[in-house]
Amino acid sequence: MSYTTAAEFDKTFNTLKATFKSGKTKNLAWRKWQLKQLWWMVEENEDKFLAALQKDLNRDRFESFATDISKLSYE
């Protein structure tokens, strides 16, 4: 397993800061709206997500809900 070096981290971090300062990113209100839409999508499609996790990973609905979906409401 390889890890990111401190130099690589600094380079990536500085690139992200420069991108944000350039104005290429969206404003805070737009980003919050996108997160709300993501939340609504997960909430409205919970059964479909649980079914997909069951089919693809053979995960129990409770396990998937507890580890993947319910965490969204706390973060």
PDB file of N, CA and C in Angstrom:
ATOM      1  N   MET A   1       0.848  -1.167   0.000  1.00  0.00           N
ATOM      2  CA  MET A   1       0.000   0.000   0.000  1.00  0.00           C
ATOM      3  C   MET A   1       0.899   1.238   0.000  1.00  0.00           C
ATOM      4  N   SER A   2       0.594   2.164  -0.875  1.00  0.00           N
ATOM      5  CA  SER A   2       1.374   3.396  -0.901  1.00  0.00           C
ATOM      6  C   SER A   2       0.541   4.546  -0.344  1.00  0.00           C
ATOM      7  N   TYR A   3       1.213   5.461   0.259  1.00  0.00           N
ATOM      8  CA  TYR A   3       0.554   6.609   0.861  1.00  0.00           C
ATOM      9  C   TYR A   3       0.989   7.877   0.144  1.00  0.00           C
ATOM     10  N   THR A   4       0.170   8.886   0.261  1.00  0.00           N
ATOM     11  CA  THR A   4       0.488  10.185  -0.307  1.00  0.00           C
ATOM     12  C   THR A   4       1.600  10.825   0.518  1.00  0.00           C
ATOM     13  N   THR A   5       2.586  11.325  -0.167  1.00  0.00           N
ATOM     14  CA  THR A   5       3.675  12.001   0.543  1.00  0.00           C
ATOM     15  C   THR A   5       3.205  13.383   0.984  1.00  0.00           C
ATOM     16  N   ALA A   6       3.957  13.960   1.905  1.00  0.00           N
ATOM     17  CA  ALA A   6       3.629  15.309   2.376  1.00  0.00           C
ATOM     18  C   ALA A   6       3.709  16.309   1.226  1.00  0.00           C
ATOM     19  N   ALA A   7       4.676  16.139   0.352  1.00  0.00           N
ATOM     20  CA  ALA A   7       4.825  17.047  -0.795  1.00  0.00           C
ATOM     21  C   ALA A   7       3.637  16.924  -1.746  1.00  0.00           C
ATOM     22  N   GLU A   8       3.189  15.688  -1.996  1.00  0.00           N
ATOM     23  CA  GLU A   8       2.030  15.477  -2.873  1.00  0.00           C
ATOM     24  C   GLU A   8       0.771  16.078  -2.258  1.00  0.00           C
ATOM     25  N   PHE A   9       0.635  15.893  -0.952  1.00  0.00           N
ATOM     26  CA  PHE A   9      -0.518  16.458  -0.256  1.00  0.00           C
ATOM     27  C   PHE A   9      -0.518  17.979  -0.369  1.00  0.00           C
ATOM     28  N   ASP A  10       0.630  18.582  -0.080  1.00  0.00           N
ATOM     29  CA  ASP A  10       0.730  20.043  -0.153  1.00  0.00           C
ATOM     30  C   ASP A  10       0.399  20.550  -1.550  1.00  0.00           C
ATOM     31  N   LYS A  11       0.899  19.875  -2.571  1.00  0.00           N
ATOM     32  CA  LYS A  11       0.638  20.293  -3.951  1.00  0.00           C
ATOM     33  C   LYS A  11      -0.860  20.232  -4.249  1.00  0.00           C
ATOM     34  N   THR A  12      -1.503  19.133  -3.881  1.00  0.00           N
ATOM     35  CA  THR A  12      -2.933  18.983  -4.120  1.00  0.00           C
ATOM     36  C   THR A  12      -3.731  20.016  -3.333  1.00  0.00           C
ATOM     37  N   PHE A  13      -3.379  20.209  -2.087  1.00  0.00           N
ATOM     38  CA  PHE A  13      -4.069  21.185  -1.241  1.00  0.00           C
ATOM     39  C   PHE A  13      -3.947  22.590  -1.825  1.00  0.00           C
ATOM     40  N   ASN A  14      -2.761  22.955  -2.254  1.00  0.00           N
ATOM     41  CA  ASN A  14      -2.552  24.286  -2.832  1.00  0.00           C
ATOM     42  C   ASN A  14      -3.310  24.452  -4.146  1.00  0.00           C
ATOM     43  N   THR A  15      -3.400  23.388  -4.930  1.00  0.00           N
ATOM     44  CA  THR A  15      -4.182  23.437  -6.166  1.00  0.00           C
ATOM     45  C   THR A  15      -5.652  23.674  -5.855  1.00  0.00           C
ATOM     46  N   LEU A  16      -6.175  22.980  -4.856  1.00  0.00           N
ATOM     47  CA  LEU A  16      -7.572  23.157  -4.466  1.00  0.00           C
ATOM     48  C   LEU A  16      -7.837  24.570  -3.953  1.00  0.00           C
ATOM     49  N   LYS A  17      -6.932  25.096  -3.144  1.00  0.00           N
ATOM     50  CA  LYS A  17      -7.086  26.461  -2.635  1.00  0.00           C
ATOM     51  C   LYS A  17      -7.080  27.465  -3.781  1.00  0.00           C
ATOM     52  N   ALA A  18      -6.157  27.278  -4.736  1.00  0.00           N
ATOM     53  CA  ALA A  18      -6.069  28.200  -5.872  1.00  0.00           C
ATOM     54  C   ALA A  18      -7.323  28.134  -6.730  1.00  0.00           C
ATOM     55  N   THR A  19      -7.846  26.921  -6.920  1.00  0.00           N
ATOM     56  CA  THR A  19      -9.067  26.763  -7.706  1.00  0.00           C
ATOM     57  C   THR A  19     -10.227  27.479  -7.032  1.00  0.00           C
ATOM     58  N   PHE A  20     -10.344  27.317  -5.718  1.00  0.00           N
ATOM     59  CA  PHE A  20     -11.421  27.984  -4.989  1.00  0.00           C
ATOM     60  C   PHE A  20     -11.288  29.509  -5.098  1.00  0.00           C
ATOM     61  N   LYS A  21     -10.087  30.021  -4.915  1.00  0.00           N
ATOM     62  CA  LYS A  21      -9.860  31.468  -4.989  1.00  0.00           C
ATOM     63  C   LYS A  21     -10.105  32.026  -6.386  1.00  0.00           C
ATOM     64  N   SER A  22      -9.977  31.184  -7.410  1.00  0.00           N
ATOM     65  CA  SER A  22     -10.150  31.649  -8.787  1.00  0.00           C
ATOM     66  C   SER A  22     -11.610  31.944  -9.128  1.00  0.00           C
ATOM     67  N   GLY A  23     -12.523  31.451  -8.294  1.00  0.00           N
ATOM     68  CA  GLY A  23     -13.939  31.672  -8.562  1.00  0.00           C
ATOM     69  C   GLY A  23     -14.562  30.596  -9.437  1.00  0.00           C
ATOM     70  N   LYS A  24     -13.811  29.557  -9.744  1.00  0.00           N
ATOM     71  CA  LYS A  24     -14.347  28.470 -10.573  1.00  0.00           C
ATOM     72  C   LYS A  24     -15.385  27.636  -9.830  1.00  0.00           C
ATOM     73  N   THR A  25     -15.297  27.659  -8.513  1.00  0.00           N
ATOM     74  CA  THR A  25     -16.243  26.867  -7.733  1.00  0.00           C
ATOM     75  C   THR A  25     -17.535  27.646  -7.541  1.00  0.00           C
ATOM     76  N   LYS A  26     -18.576  26.933  -7.201  1.00  0.00           N
ATOM     77  CA  LYS A  26     -19.881  27.554  -6.974  1.00  0.00           C
ATOM     78  C   LYS A  26     -19.947  28.135  -5.568  1.00  0.00           C
ATOM     79  N   ASN A  27     -20.868  29.064  -5.369  1.00  0.00           N
ATOM     80  CA  ASN A  27     -20.988  29.688  -4.051  1.00  0.00           C
ATOM     81  C   ASN A  27     -21.612  28.728  -3.036  1.00  0.00           C
ATOM     82  N   LEU A  28     -21.548  29.111  -1.787  1.00  0.00           N
ATOM     83  CA  LEU A  28     -22.005  28.254  -0.691  1.00  0.00           C
ATOM     84  C   LEU A  28     -23.485  27.906  -0.811  1.00  0.00           C
ATOM     85  N   ALA A  29     -24.312  28.860  -1.177  1.00  0.00           N
ATOM     86  CA  ALA A  29     -25.751  28.595  -1.304  1.00  0.00           C
ATOM     87  C   ALA A  29     -26.010  27.533  -2.370  1.00  0.00           C
ATOM     88  N   TRP A  30     -25.314  27.590  -3.482  1.00  0.00           N
ATOM     89  CA  TRP A  30     -25.481  26.598  -4.550  1.00  0.00           C
ATOM     90  C   TRP A  30     -25.056  25.216  -4.060  1.00  0.00           C
ATOM     91  N   ARG A  31     -23.925  25.151  -3.354  1.00  0.00           N
ATOM     92  CA  ARG A  31     -23.433  23.857  -2.860  1.00  0.00           C
ATOM     93  C   ARG A  31     -24.380  23.262  -1.825  1.00  0.00           C
ATOM     94  N   LYS A  32     -24.943  24.117  -0.953  1.00  0.00           N
ATOM     95  CA  LYS A  32     -25.919  23.619   0.026  1.00  0.00           C
ATOM     96  C   LYS A  32     -27.159  23.077  -0.672  1.00  0.00           C
ATOM     97  N   TRP A  33     -27.595  23.757  -1.723  1.00  0.00           N
ATOM     98  CA  TRP A  33     -28.756  23.300  -2.478  1.00  0.00           C
ATOM     99  C   TRP A  33     -28.477  21.936  -3.111  1.00  0.00           C
ATOM    100  N   GLN A  34     -27.287  21.742  -3.643  1.00  0.00           N
ATOM    101  CA  GLN A  34     -26.918  20.464  -4.236  1.00  0.00           C
ATOM    102  C   GLN A  34     -26.936  19.352  -3.181  1.00  0.00           C
ATOM    103  N   LEU A  35     -26.446  19.655  -1.981  1.00  0.00           N
ATOM    104  CA  LEU A  35     -26.461  18.661  -0.910  1.00  0.00           C
ATOM    105  C   LEU A  35     -27.885  18.309  -0.496  1.00  0.00           C
ATOM    106  N   LYS A  36     -28.770  19.310  -0.456  1.00  0.00           N
ATOM    107  CA  LYS A  36     -30.173  19.035  -0.138  1.00  0.00           C
ATOM    108  C   LYS A  36     -30.791  18.137  -1.199  1.00  0.00           C
ATOM    109  N   GLN A  37     -30.479  18.415  -2.459  1.00  0.00           N
ATOM    110  CA  GLN A  37     -31.023  17.585  -3.531  1.00  0.00           C
ATOM    111  C   GLN A  37     -30.502  16.151  -3.438  1.00  0.00           C
ATOM    112  N   LEU A  38     -29.226  16.006  -3.075  1.00  0.00           N
ATOM    113  CA  LEU A  38     -28.653  14.669  -2.896  1.00  0.00           C
ATOM    114  C   LEU A  38     -29.376  13.940  -1.765  1.00  0.00           C
ATOM    115  N   TRP A  39     -29.601  14.654  -0.663  1.00  0.00           N
ATOM    116  CA  TRP A  39     -30.317  14.061   0.467  1.00  0.00           C
ATOM    117  C   TRP A  39     -31.700  13.580   0.038  1.00  0.00           C
ATOM    118  N   TRP A  40     -32.434  14.447  -0.691  1.00  0.00           N
ATOM    119  CA  TRP A  40     -33.779  14.074  -1.143  1.00  0.00           C
ATOM    120  C   TRP A  40     -33.736  12.867  -2.074  1.00  0.00           C
ATOM    121  N   MET A  41     -32.735  12.805  -2.941  1.00  0.00           N
ATOM    122  CA  MET A  41     -32.616  11.671  -3.857  1.00  0.00           C
ATOM    123  C   MET A  41     -32.435  10.364  -3.073  1.00  0.00           C
ATOM    124  N   VAL A  42     -31.555  10.392  -2.080  1.00  0.00           N
ATOM    125  CA  VAL A  42     -31.323   9.188  -1.276  1.00  0.00           C
ATOM    126  C   VAL A  42     -32.593   8.826  -0.516  1.00  0.00           C
ATOM    127  N   GLU A  43     -33.229   9.819   0.083  1.00  0.00           N
ATOM    128  CA  GLU A  43     -34.443   9.567   0.860  1.00  0.00           C
ATOM    129  C   GLU A  43     -35.561   8.983  -0.012  1.00  0.00           C
ATOM    130  N   GLU A  44     -35.738   9.547  -1.206  1.00  0.00           N
ATOM    131  CA  GLU A  44     -36.810   9.096  -2.100  1.00  0.00           C
ATOM    132  C   GLU A  44     -36.526   7.731  -2.729  1.00  0.00           C
ATOM    133  N   ASN A  45     -35.256   7.340  -2.772  1.00  0.00           N
ATOM    134  CA  ASN A  45     -34.875   6.090  -3.432  1.00  0.00           C
ATOM    135  C   ASN A  45     -34.249   5.086  -2.477  1.00  0.00           C
ATOM    136  N   GLU A  46     -34.528   5.236  -1.207  1.00  0.00           N
ATOM    137  CA  GLU A  46     -33.927   4.373  -0.190  1.00  0.00           C
ATOM    138  C   GLU A  46     -34.123   2.899  -0.497  1.00  0.00           C
ATOM    139  N   ASP A  47     -35.336   2.504  -0.831  1.00  0.00           N
ATOM    140  CA  ASP A  47     -35.601   1.093  -1.125  1.00  0.00           C
ATOM    141  C   ASP A  47     -34.797   0.594  -2.318  1.00  0.00           C
ATOM    142  N   LYS A  48     -34.633   1.451  -3.317  1.00  0.00           N
ATOM    143  CA  LYS A  48     -33.853   1.063  -4.498  1.00  0.00           C
ATOM    144  C   LYS A  48     -32.373   0.904  -4.145  1.00  0.00           C
ATOM    145  N   PHE A  49     -31.848   1.813  -3.317  1.00  0.00           N
ATOM    146  CA  PHE A  49     -30.452   1.690  -2.890  1.00  0.00           C
ATOM    147  C   PHE A  49     -30.252   0.408  -2.080  1.00  0.00           C
ATOM    148  N   LEU A  50     -31.176   0.139  -1.156  1.00  0.00           N
ATOM    149  CA  LEU A  50     -31.059  -1.065  -0.335  1.00  0.00           C
ATOM    150  C   LEU A  50     -31.147  -2.322  -1.189  1.00  0.00           C
ATOM    151  N   ALA A  51     -32.033  -2.334  -2.174  1.00  0.00           N
ATOM    152  CA  ALA A  51     -32.160  -3.488  -3.068  1.00  0.00           C
ATOM    153  C   ALA A  51     -30.888  -3.680  -3.891  1.00  0.00           C
ATOM    154  N   ALA A  52     -30.299  -2.587  -4.348  1.00  0.00           N
ATOM    155  CA  ALA A  52     -29.070  -2.679  -5.136  1.00  0.00           C
ATOM    156  C   ALA A  52     -27.910  -3.209  -4.298  1.00  0.00           C
ATOM    157  N   LEU A  53     -27.809  -2.747  -3.052  1.00  0.00           N
ATOM    158  CA  LEU A  53     -26.755  -3.243  -2.173  1.00  0.00           C
ATOM    159  C   LEU A  53     -26.960  -4.723  -1.861  1.00  0.00           C
ATOM    160  N   GLN A  54     -28.215  -5.143  -1.727  1.00  0.00           N
ATOM    161  CA  GLN A  54     -28.524  -6.553  -1.505  1.00  0.00           C
ATOM    162  C   GLN A  54     -28.106  -7.372  -2.723  1.00  0.00           C
ATOM    163  N   LYS A  55     -28.475  -6.897  -3.899  1.00  0.00           N
ATOM    164  CA  LYS A  55     -28.185  -7.623  -5.137  1.00  0.00           C
ATOM    165  C   LYS A  55     -26.682  -7.651  -5.445  1.00  0.00           C
ATOM    166  N   ASP A  56     -26.039  -6.497  -5.358  1.00  0.00           N
ATOM    167  CA  ASP A  56     -24.632  -6.400  -5.749  1.00  0.00           C
ATOM    168  C   ASP A  56     -23.668  -6.964  -4.709  1.00  0.00           C
ATOM    169  N   LEU A  57     -23.949  -6.719  -3.430  1.00  0.00           N
ATOM    170  CA  LEU A  57     -23.006  -7.094  -2.379  1.00  0.00           C
ATOM    171  C   LEU A  57     -23.544  -8.159  -1.426  1.00  0.00           C
ATOM    172  N   ASN A  58     -24.792  -8.592  -1.670  1.00  0.00           N
ATOM    173  CA  ASN A  58     -25.456  -9.560  -0.791  1.00  0.00           C
ATOM    174  C   ASN A  58     -25.511  -9.031   0.650  1.00  0.00           C
ATOM    175  N   ARG A  59     -25.788  -7.745   0.764  1.00  0.00           N
ATOM    176  CA  ARG A  59     -25.858  -7.107   2.069  1.00  0.00           C
ATOM    177  C   ARG A  59     -27.283  -7.141   2.589  1.00  0.00           C
ATOM    178  N   ASP A  60     -27.402  -7.395   3.867  1.00  0.00           N
ATOM    179  CA  ASP A  60     -28.691  -7.359   4.540  1.00  0.00           C
ATOM    180  C   ASP A  60     -29.203  -5.917   4.556  1.00  0.00           C
ATOM    181  N   ARG A  61     -30.514  -5.745   4.420  1.00  0.00           N
ATOM    182  CA  ARG A  61     -31.101  -4.401   4.390  1.00  0.00           C
ATOM    183  C   ARG A  61     -30.747  -3.603   5.644  1.00  0.00           C
ATOM    184  N   PHE A  62     -30.812  -4.256   6.796  1.00  0.00           N
ATOM    185  CA  PHE A  62     -30.507  -3.552   8.041  1.00  0.00           C
ATOM    186  C   PHE A  62     -29.059  -3.085   8.061  1.00  0.00           C
ATOM    187  N   GLU A  63     -28.147  -3.967   7.656  1.00  0.00           N
ATOM    188  CA  GLU A  63     -26.721  -3.605   7.628  1.00  0.00           C
ATOM    189  C   GLU A  63     -26.481  -2.426   6.685  1.00  0.00           C
ATOM    190  N   SER A  64     -27.070  -2.492   5.508  1.00  0.00           N
ATOM    191  CA  SER A  64     -26.898  -1.404   4.541  1.00  0.00           C
ATOM    192  C   SER A  64     -27.476  -0.102   5.054  1.00  0.00           C
ATOM    193  N   PHE A  65     -28.647  -0.173   5.650  1.00  0.00           N
ATOM    194  CA  PHE A  65     -29.260   1.038   6.187  1.00  0.00           C
ATOM    195  C   PHE A  65     -28.400   1.614   7.308  1.00  0.00           C
ATOM    196  N   ALA A  66     -27.978   0.749   8.226  1.00  0.00           N
ATOM    197  CA  ALA A  66     -27.226   1.214   9.388  1.00  0.00           C
ATOM    198  C   ALA A  66     -25.858   1.769   9.022  1.00  0.00           C
ATOM    199  N   THR A  67     -25.209   1.180   8.018  1.00  0.00           N
ATOM    200  CA  THR A  67     -23.842   1.607   7.707  1.00  0.00           C
ATOM    201  C   THR A  67     -23.747   2.618   6.576  1.00  0.00           C
ATOM    202  N   ASP A  68     -24.737   2.672   5.701  1.00  0.00           N
ATOM    203  CA  ASP A  68     -24.631   3.545   4.535  1.00  0.00           C
ATOM    204  C   ASP A  68     -25.674   4.651   4.495  1.00  0.00           C
ATOM    205  N   ILE A  69     -26.903   4.336   4.755  1.00  0.00           N
ATOM    206  CA  ILE A  69     -27.969   5.320   4.557  1.00  0.00           C
ATOM    207  C   ILE A  69     -28.215   6.149   5.794  1.00  0.00           C
ATOM    208  N   SER A  70     -28.336   5.545   6.953  1.00  0.00           N
ATOM    209  CA  SER A  70     -28.666   6.324   8.146  1.00  0.00           C
ATOM    210  C   SER A  70     -27.544   7.289   8.519  1.00  0.00           C
ATOM    211  N   LYS A  71     -26.315   7.001   8.134  1.00  0.00           N
ATOM    212  CA  LYS A  71     -25.201   7.891   8.431  1.00  0.00           C
ATOM    213  C   LYS A  71     -25.386   9.248   7.758  1.00  0.00           C
ATOM    214  N   LEU A  72     -26.081   9.289   6.651  1.00  0.00           N
ATOM    215  CA  LEU A  72     -26.271  10.540   5.943  1.00  0.00           C
ATOM    216  C   LEU A  72     -27.039  11.554   6.778  1.00  0.00           C
ATOM    217  N   SER A  73     -27.911  11.079   7.634  1.00  0.00           N
ATOM    218  CA  SER A  73     -28.719  12.015   8.413  1.00  0.00           C
ATOM    219  C   SER A  73     -27.942  12.643   9.563  1.00  0.00           C
ATOM    220  N   TYR A  74     -26.787  12.094   9.876  1.00  0.00           N
ATOM    221  CA  TYR A  74     -25.998  12.611  10.991  1.00  0.00           C
ATOM    222  C   TYR A  74     -24.794  13.416  10.538  1.00  0.00           C
ATOM    223  N   GLU A  75     -24.447  13.351   9.269  1.00  0.00           N
ATOM    224  CA  GLU A  75     -23.227  14.018   8.790  1.00  0.00           C
ATOM    225  C   GLU A  75     -23.536  15.336   8.168  1.00  0.00           C
TER     226      GLU A  75
END
